Amino acid sequence: MLTAAKVTQGNNDLVLIMDDALHAQWKLNPECVSYEESRYH
């Protein structure tokens, strides 16, 4: 399954597409800024 996370950093909106393994690592990252995510099956 893939996750699309919209990350807002300052004035920049980034959309990250991650598989489950990458997503799990990314959520553990303390540098993580606020984001919205949607799941794609």
N, C-alpha and C. Protein backbone atom coordinates (compact mmCIF):
# COMPACT_ATOMS: atom_id res chain seq x y z
N MET A 1 0.85 -1.19 0.00
CA MET A 1 0.00 0.00 0.00
C MET A 1 0.89 1.25 0.00
N LEU A 2 0.42 2.28 -0.67
CA LEU A 2 1.17 3.53 -0.74
C LEU A 2 0.47 4.60 0.09
N THR A 3 1.24 5.49 0.64
CA THR A 3 0.70 6.63 1.37
C THR A 3 1.17 7.91 0.70
N ALA A 4 0.25 8.82 0.48
CA ALA A 4 0.61 10.14 0.00
C ALA A 4 0.50 11.10 1.17
N ALA A 5 1.59 11.75 1.51
CA ALA A 5 1.59 12.70 2.62
C ALA A 5 1.86 14.10 2.09
N LYS A 6 0.98 15.02 2.42
CA LYS A 6 1.20 16.42 2.06
C LYS A 6 1.92 17.10 3.22
N VAL A 7 3.11 17.55 2.95
CA VAL A 7 3.94 18.17 3.99
C VAL A 7 4.02 19.66 3.73
N THR A 8 3.74 20.45 4.76
CA THR A 8 3.86 21.90 4.63
C THR A 8 5.07 22.36 5.42
N GLN A 9 6.01 22.97 4.72
CA GLN A 9 7.21 23.50 5.35
C GLN A 9 7.36 24.94 4.92
N GLY A 10 7.08 25.85 5.84
CA GLY A 10 7.12 27.26 5.48
C GLY A 10 6.06 27.54 4.41
N ASN A 11 6.47 28.06 3.27
CA ASN A 11 5.53 28.35 2.18
C ASN A 11 5.48 27.24 1.15
N ASN A 12 6.19 26.14 1.41
CA ASN A 12 6.28 25.06 0.44
C ASN A 12 5.36 23.90 0.79
N ASP A 13 4.58 23.45 -0.16
CA ASP A 13 3.80 22.24 0.00
C ASP A 13 4.46 21.13 -0.80
N LEU A 14 4.82 20.06 -0.11
CA LEU A 14 5.44 18.92 -0.76
C LEU A 14 4.50 17.73 -0.64
N VAL A 15 4.42 16.93 -1.67
CA VAL A 15 3.66 15.69 -1.58
C VAL A 15 4.63 14.53 -1.71
N LEU A 16 4.64 13.68 -0.70
CA LEU A 16 5.53 12.54 -0.68
C LEU A 16 4.72 11.27 -0.90
N ILE A 17 5.18 10.43 -1.81
CA ILE A 17 4.54 9.13 -2.02
C ILE A 17 5.46 8.07 -1.43
N MET A 18 4.95 7.33 -0.46
CA MET A 18 5.79 6.37 0.26
C MET A 18 5.13 5.01 0.31
N ASP A 19 5.96 3.95 0.26
CA ASP A 19 5.43 2.63 0.54
C ASP A 19 5.38 2.45 2.06
N ASP A 20 4.85 1.33 2.51
CA ASP A 20 4.63 1.15 3.95
C ASP A 20 5.92 1.20 4.77
N ALA A 21 6.98 0.59 4.24
CA ALA A 21 8.24 0.56 4.98
C ALA A 21 8.79 1.97 5.16
N LEU A 22 8.78 2.73 4.07
CA LEU A 22 9.29 4.10 4.12
C LEU A 22 8.40 4.97 5.00
N HIS A 23 7.10 4.75 4.92
CA HIS A 23 6.16 5.53 5.71
C HIS A 23 6.37 5.30 7.20
N ALA A 24 6.60 4.05 7.58
CA ALA A 24 6.84 3.73 8.99
C ALA A 24 8.08 4.45 9.51
N GLN A 25 9.14 4.46 8.71
CA GLN A 25 10.37 5.16 9.10
C GLN A 25 10.12 6.66 9.19
N TRP A 26 9.38 7.17 8.22
CA TRP A 26 9.16 8.61 8.13
C TRP A 26 8.37 9.12 9.34
N LYS A 27 7.38 8.34 9.79
CA LYS A 27 6.57 8.77 10.93
C LYS A 27 7.38 8.76 12.23
N LEU A 28 8.46 7.98 12.26
CA LEU A 28 9.31 7.92 13.45
C LEU A 28 10.30 9.08 13.49
N ASN A 29 10.41 9.79 12.39
CA ASN A 29 11.37 10.88 12.29
C ASN A 29 10.92 12.07 13.13
N PRO A 30 11.70 12.45 14.14
CA PRO A 30 11.31 13.57 15.01
C PRO A 30 11.27 14.92 14.28
N GLU A 31 11.90 14.97 13.11
CA GLU A 31 11.91 16.21 12.32
C GLU A 31 10.60 16.40 11.56
N CYS A 32 9.74 15.41 11.65
CA CYS A 32 8.48 15.39 10.92
C CYS A 32 7.66 16.66 11.20
N VAL A 33 7.28 17.36 10.13
CA VAL A 33 6.43 18.53 10.30
C VAL A 33 4.98 18.13 10.09
N SER A 34 4.06 19.06 10.30
CA SER A 34 2.65 18.74 10.17
C SER A 34 2.32 18.31 8.75
N TYR A 35 1.46 17.35 8.64
CA TYR A 35 1.12 16.82 7.32
C TYR A 35 -0.28 16.23 7.30
N GLU A 36 -0.83 16.12 6.12
CA GLU A 36 -2.07 15.38 5.92
C GLU A 36 -1.72 14.19 5.04
N GLU A 37 -2.34 13.06 5.31
CA GLU A 37 -2.03 11.91 4.49
C GLU A 37 -3.30 11.20 4.06
N SER A 38 -3.20 10.56 2.93
CA SER A 38 -4.30 9.71 2.48
C SER A 38 -3.71 8.39 2.03
N ARG A 39 -4.46 7.33 2.26
CA ARG A 39 -3.97 5.99 1.99
C ARG A 39 -4.56 5.48 0.69
N TYR A 40 -3.71 4.82 -0.08
CA TYR A 40 -4.16 4.21 -1.33
C TYR A 40 -3.94 2.71 -1.26
N HIS A 41 -5.01 1.96 -1.44
CA HIS A 41 -4.91 0.49 -1.40
C HIS A 41 -4.61 -0.04 -2.79
